Amino acid sequence: MRGRNLMKVIGMTVIATTLVLTGCGNEETKKKDTEKQTKTVKKQDKKVKIESNEGKPQHEQLITVNKPPEMKYLDDETIDIYKQDEKKYDNTVQAITDDSITLLLGEYCFYDSAMDTVKCSVIVVNGTNTTIEELSFQASIEVKTQPNKTFEDDFTYEFIEVETGVLQPNKGFPAILGFLEKNPLEDDGDKMIKLNSQDITIQLKNIQYNAVE
């Protein structure tokens, strides 16, 4: 009889212990879920703003270039441009701006006289110490060989993860930027004028991104 009672007590103890452990497990799961949610909220709140890159110091850095996830949806011409720039810059040492975003000019740079627009391919490099998301910036351009032309600088370029991939420190992605000419006066006809990247200066301003830790 005492043996049966003892077995009952042991059985009840095991059940009680299981319930306690299950409860602890549920609490731990809830705690982890809460921590995940908190981290997500924190990630969204870590918005970084940089007024300008002008005058900022630079350093030499080995960089790599991401193939953007959206690449398979692009036209063949754009894919070829991206591949050329990737080949030029992937796994190379470049001068990049300290703790900011840097643009490296690519092989494709033309003045489209029909559209009064300069189009340049670039590699956008994350020179910060954190992975970043939802990058945006404005840019101004100067073309030394066309000093009489000025270009709009208030357009905001926006990039999301499908375009950039996971943008970790010292990684870049290819893009094409367009700059509309202000008050075009000359009629250059309908042609594409090749520009030398050495004759072009692009400055970034109003840089914004989410820092992910």
Protein backbone atom coordinates (compact mmCIF):
# COMPACT_ATOMS: atom_id res chain seq x y z
CA MET A 1 0.00 0.00 0.00
CA ARG A 2 2.77 2.33 1.00
CA GLY A 3 4.52 1.41 -2.25
CA ARG A 4 1.46 2.42 -4.31
CA ASN A 5 1.17 5.69 -2.43
CA LEU A 6 4.85 6.35 -3.00
CA MET A 7 4.44 5.70 -6.74
CA LYS A 8 1.46 8.06 -6.81
CA VAL A 9 3.54 10.76 -5.08
CA ILE A 10 6.42 10.22 -7.53
CA GLY A 11 4.00 10.33 -10.47
CA MET A 12 2.42 13.55 -9.24
CA THR A 13 5.87 15.05 -8.64
CA VAL A 14 6.97 14.20 -12.20
CA ILE A 15 3.77 15.75 -13.63
CA ALA A 16 4.20 18.86 -11.50
CA THR A 17 7.86 19.15 -12.52
CA THR A 18 6.93 18.75 -16.20
CA LEU A 19 4.30 21.46 -15.89
CA VAL A 20 6.78 23.78 -14.18
CA LEU A 21 9.42 23.13 -16.87
CA THR A 22 6.84 23.60 -19.62
CA GLY A 23 5.79 26.84 -18.00
CA CYS A 24 9.41 27.95 -17.80
CA GLY A 25 9.89 27.00 -21.44
CA ASN A 26 6.87 29.04 -22.45
CA GLU A 27 8.12 31.98 -20.41
CA GLU A 28 11.57 31.65 -22.02
CA THR A 29 9.98 31.52 -25.50
CA LYS A 30 7.88 34.59 -24.70
CA LYS A 31 10.98 36.33 -23.40
CA LYS A 32 12.91 35.55 -26.61
CA ASP A 33 9.99 36.67 -28.77
CA THR A 34 9.81 39.91 -26.79
CA GLU A 35 13.56 40.42 -27.18
CA LYS A 36 13.25 39.83 -30.95
CA GLN A 37 10.45 42.36 -31.19
CA THR A 38 12.43 44.84 -29.11
CA LYS A 39 15.49 44.37 -31.33
CA THR A 40 13.34 44.88 -34.43
CA VAL A 41 11.95 48.12 -33.03
CA LYS A 42 15.44 49.27 -32.06
CA LYS A 43 16.74 48.40 -35.56
CA GLN A 44 14.07 50.55 -37.16
CA ASP A 45 14.82 53.44 -34.81
CA LYS A 46 18.56 53.60 -35.54
CA LYS A 47 18.30 56.11 -38.36
CA VAL A 48 21.60 57.79 -39.22
CA LYS A 49 21.85 61.11 -41.06
CA ILE A 50 25.01 62.58 -42.59
CA GLU A 51 24.77 66.12 -43.92
CA SER A 52 27.62 65.88 -46.45
CA ASN A 53 30.84 64.06 -47.35
CA GLU A 54 32.60 67.27 -48.32
CA GLY A 55 35.94 67.68 -46.55
CA LYS A 56 35.69 64.33 -44.76
CA PRO A 57 38.90 62.26 -44.47
CA GLN A 58 39.36 59.09 -46.50
CA HIS A 59 41.30 55.88 -46.03
CA GLU A 60 42.44 52.98 -48.21
CA GLN A 61 40.21 49.92 -47.84
CA LEU A 62 39.75 46.52 -49.46
CA ILE A 63 36.18 46.35 -50.75
CA THR A 64 33.93 43.72 -52.30
CA VAL A 65 30.94 44.22 -54.59
CA ASN A 66 27.53 42.58 -54.11
CA LYS A 67 25.48 41.33 -57.02
CA PRO A 68 22.07 42.91 -56.29
CA PRO A 69 19.21 40.41 -55.85
CA GLU A 70 17.17 42.33 -58.45
CA MET A 71 19.82 41.75 -61.13
CA LYS A 72 17.94 38.90 -62.82
CA TYR A 73 15.05 41.28 -63.55
CA LEU A 74 17.20 43.92 -65.27
CA ASP A 75 17.71 44.39 -69.00
CA ASP A 76 20.84 42.98 -70.66
CA GLU A 77 22.49 46.39 -71.14
CA THR A 78 22.22 47.27 -67.44
CA ILE A 79 23.46 43.81 -66.41
CA ASP A 80 26.52 44.24 -68.67
CA ILE A 81 27.24 47.65 -67.11
CA TYR A 82 26.94 46.23 -63.60
CA LYS A 83 29.25 43.32 -64.46
CA GLN A 84 31.90 45.67 -65.88
CA ASP A 85 31.89 47.77 -62.72
CA GLU A 86 31.93 44.70 -60.49
CA LYS A 87 34.97 43.39 -62.39
CA LYS A 88 36.69 46.77 -62.01
CA TYR A 89 36.17 47.17 -58.25
CA ASP A 90 35.49 43.78 -56.62
CA ASN A 91 38.30 42.75 -54.24
CA THR A 92 40.29 45.93 -54.83
CA VAL A 93 41.72 48.54 -52.47
CA GLN A 94 40.00 51.93 -52.87
CA ALA A 95 39.97 55.30 -51.12
CA ILE A 96 36.66 55.54 -49.25
CA THR A 97 35.23 58.21 -46.96
CA ASP A 98 35.57 57.54 -43.24
CA ASP A 99 32.37 56.27 -41.59
CA SER A 100 30.12 57.26 -44.48
CA ILE A 101 28.94 56.25 -47.96
CA THR A 102 31.30 56.50 -50.95
CA LEU A 103 30.59 56.52 -54.69
CA LEU A 104 33.15 54.98 -57.04
CA LEU A 105 32.62 55.97 -60.67
CA GLY A 106 32.12 53.10 -63.09
CA GLU A 107 32.87 52.52 -66.76
CA TYR A 108 29.54 53.87 -68.05
CA CYS A 109 29.23 57.67 -68.10
CA PHE A 110 27.46 59.59 -70.88
CA TYR A 111 25.80 62.90 -71.57
CA ASP A 112 22.47 62.15 -73.26
CA SER A 113 21.84 65.27 -75.35
CA ALA A 114 18.30 64.21 -76.26
CA MET A 115 17.32 64.04 -72.57
CA ASP A 116 19.74 66.76 -71.34
CA THR A 117 20.96 64.27 -68.75
CA VAL A 118 24.25 62.85 -67.52
CA LYS A 119 24.07 59.16 -66.63
CA CYS A 120 26.87 57.47 -64.71
CA SER A 121 27.31 53.99 -63.34
CA VAL A 122 28.72 53.82 -59.82
CA ILE A 123 29.58 51.43 -57.03
CA VAL A 124 27.95 52.58 -53.78
CA VAL A 125 30.20 51.53 -50.87
CA ASN A 126 29.28 51.19 -47.20
CA GLY A 127 32.25 52.72 -45.39
CA THR A 128 30.62 52.56 -41.95
CA ASN A 129 31.22 50.02 -39.19
CA THR A 130 27.68 48.60 -39.31
CA THR A 131 25.41 46.76 -41.72
CA ILE A 132 22.96 49.23 -43.23
CA GLU A 133 19.47 49.18 -44.75
CA GLU A 134 17.16 51.60 -46.56
CA LEU A 135 19.90 53.86 -47.89
CA SER A 136 19.10 57.21 -49.47
CA PHE A 137 21.12 60.26 -50.52
CA GLN A 138 21.24 63.29 -52.78
CA ALA A 139 24.14 64.00 -55.13
CA SER A 140 25.61 66.85 -57.14
CA ILE A 141 27.79 66.45 -60.23
CA GLU A 142 30.36 68.61 -62.01
CA VAL A 143 31.70 67.83 -65.49
CA LYS A 144 35.05 69.56 -66.13
CA THR A 145 34.74 69.28 -69.91
CA GLN A 146 31.33 70.99 -69.84
CA PRO A 147 31.79 73.91 -67.41
CA ASN A 148 28.83 75.79 -68.90
CA LYS A 149 26.40 73.06 -67.84
CA THR A 150 24.92 72.71 -64.35
CA PHE A 151 22.77 69.85 -63.12
CA GLU A 152 19.95 69.32 -60.65
CA ASP A 153 21.12 68.18 -57.21
CA ASP A 154 17.90 67.86 -55.19
CA PHE A 155 16.76 64.42 -56.38
CA THR A 156 16.81 61.74 -53.67
CA TYR A 157 18.14 58.32 -54.68
CA GLU A 158 16.61 55.55 -52.56
CA PHE A 159 17.81 51.95 -52.28
CA ILE A 160 16.20 49.00 -50.51
CA GLU A 161 17.61 45.53 -49.77
CA VAL A 162 16.31 43.96 -53.00
CA GLU A 163 18.58 46.43 -54.84
CA THR A 164 21.59 46.40 -52.53
CA GLY A 165 21.67 42.96 -50.93
CA VAL A 166 22.78 42.89 -47.28
CA LEU A 167 25.08 45.91 -47.23
CA GLN A 168 27.77 45.04 -44.70
CA PRO A 169 30.81 47.22 -43.93
CA ASN A 170 33.22 47.68 -46.84
CA LYS A 171 30.78 46.15 -49.32
CA GLY A 172 29.28 47.93 -52.29
CA PHE A 173 26.63 47.48 -54.96
CA PRO A 174 26.29 48.76 -58.55
CA ALA A 175 23.83 51.47 -59.54
CA ILE A 176 23.23 54.04 -62.29
CA LEU A 177 22.61 57.68 -61.37
CA GLY A 178 21.05 60.31 -63.62
CA PHE A 179 21.51 64.09 -63.39
CA LEU A 180 19.11 66.39 -65.26
CA GLU A 181 20.65 69.54 -66.71
CA LYS A 182 19.41 72.87 -65.37
CA ASN A 183 18.18 75.32 -68.01
CA PRO A 184 19.75 73.67 -71.09
CA LEU A 185 20.64 76.35 -73.63
CA GLU A 186 22.62 74.59 -76.34
CA ASP A 187 21.21 72.18 -78.89
CA ASP A 188 23.68 69.29 -78.93
CA GLY A 189 21.50 67.22 -81.23
CA ASP A 190 20.35 63.70 -80.48
CA LYS A 191 23.49 61.88 -79.39
CA MET A 192 25.26 60.17 -76.51
CA ILE A 193 28.53 61.87 -75.57
CA LYS A 194 31.03 59.65 -73.76
CA LEU A 195 32.47 61.25 -70.61
CA ASN A 196 35.77 60.42 -68.93
CA SER A 197 35.34 59.52 -65.26
CA GLN A 198 38.45 61.58 -64.46
CA ASP A 199 36.55 64.69 -65.59
CA ILE A 200 33.63 64.05 -63.25
CA THR A 201 33.18 64.93 -59.58
CA ILE A 202 30.17 63.70 -57.61
CA GLN A 203 29.47 64.91 -54.07
CA LEU A 204 27.01 63.23 -51.71
CA LYS A 205 24.75 65.02 -49.24
CA ASN A 206 21.71 64.30 -47.06
CA ILE A 207 22.80 60.68 -46.61
CA GLN A 208 20.36 58.60 -44.56
CA TYR A 209 20.26 54.93 -43.62
CA ASN A 210 19.21 52.49 -40.92
CA ALA A 211 22.11 51.05 -38.93
CA VAL A 212 21.65 47.35 -38.09
CA GLU A 213 23.51 45.88 -35.12
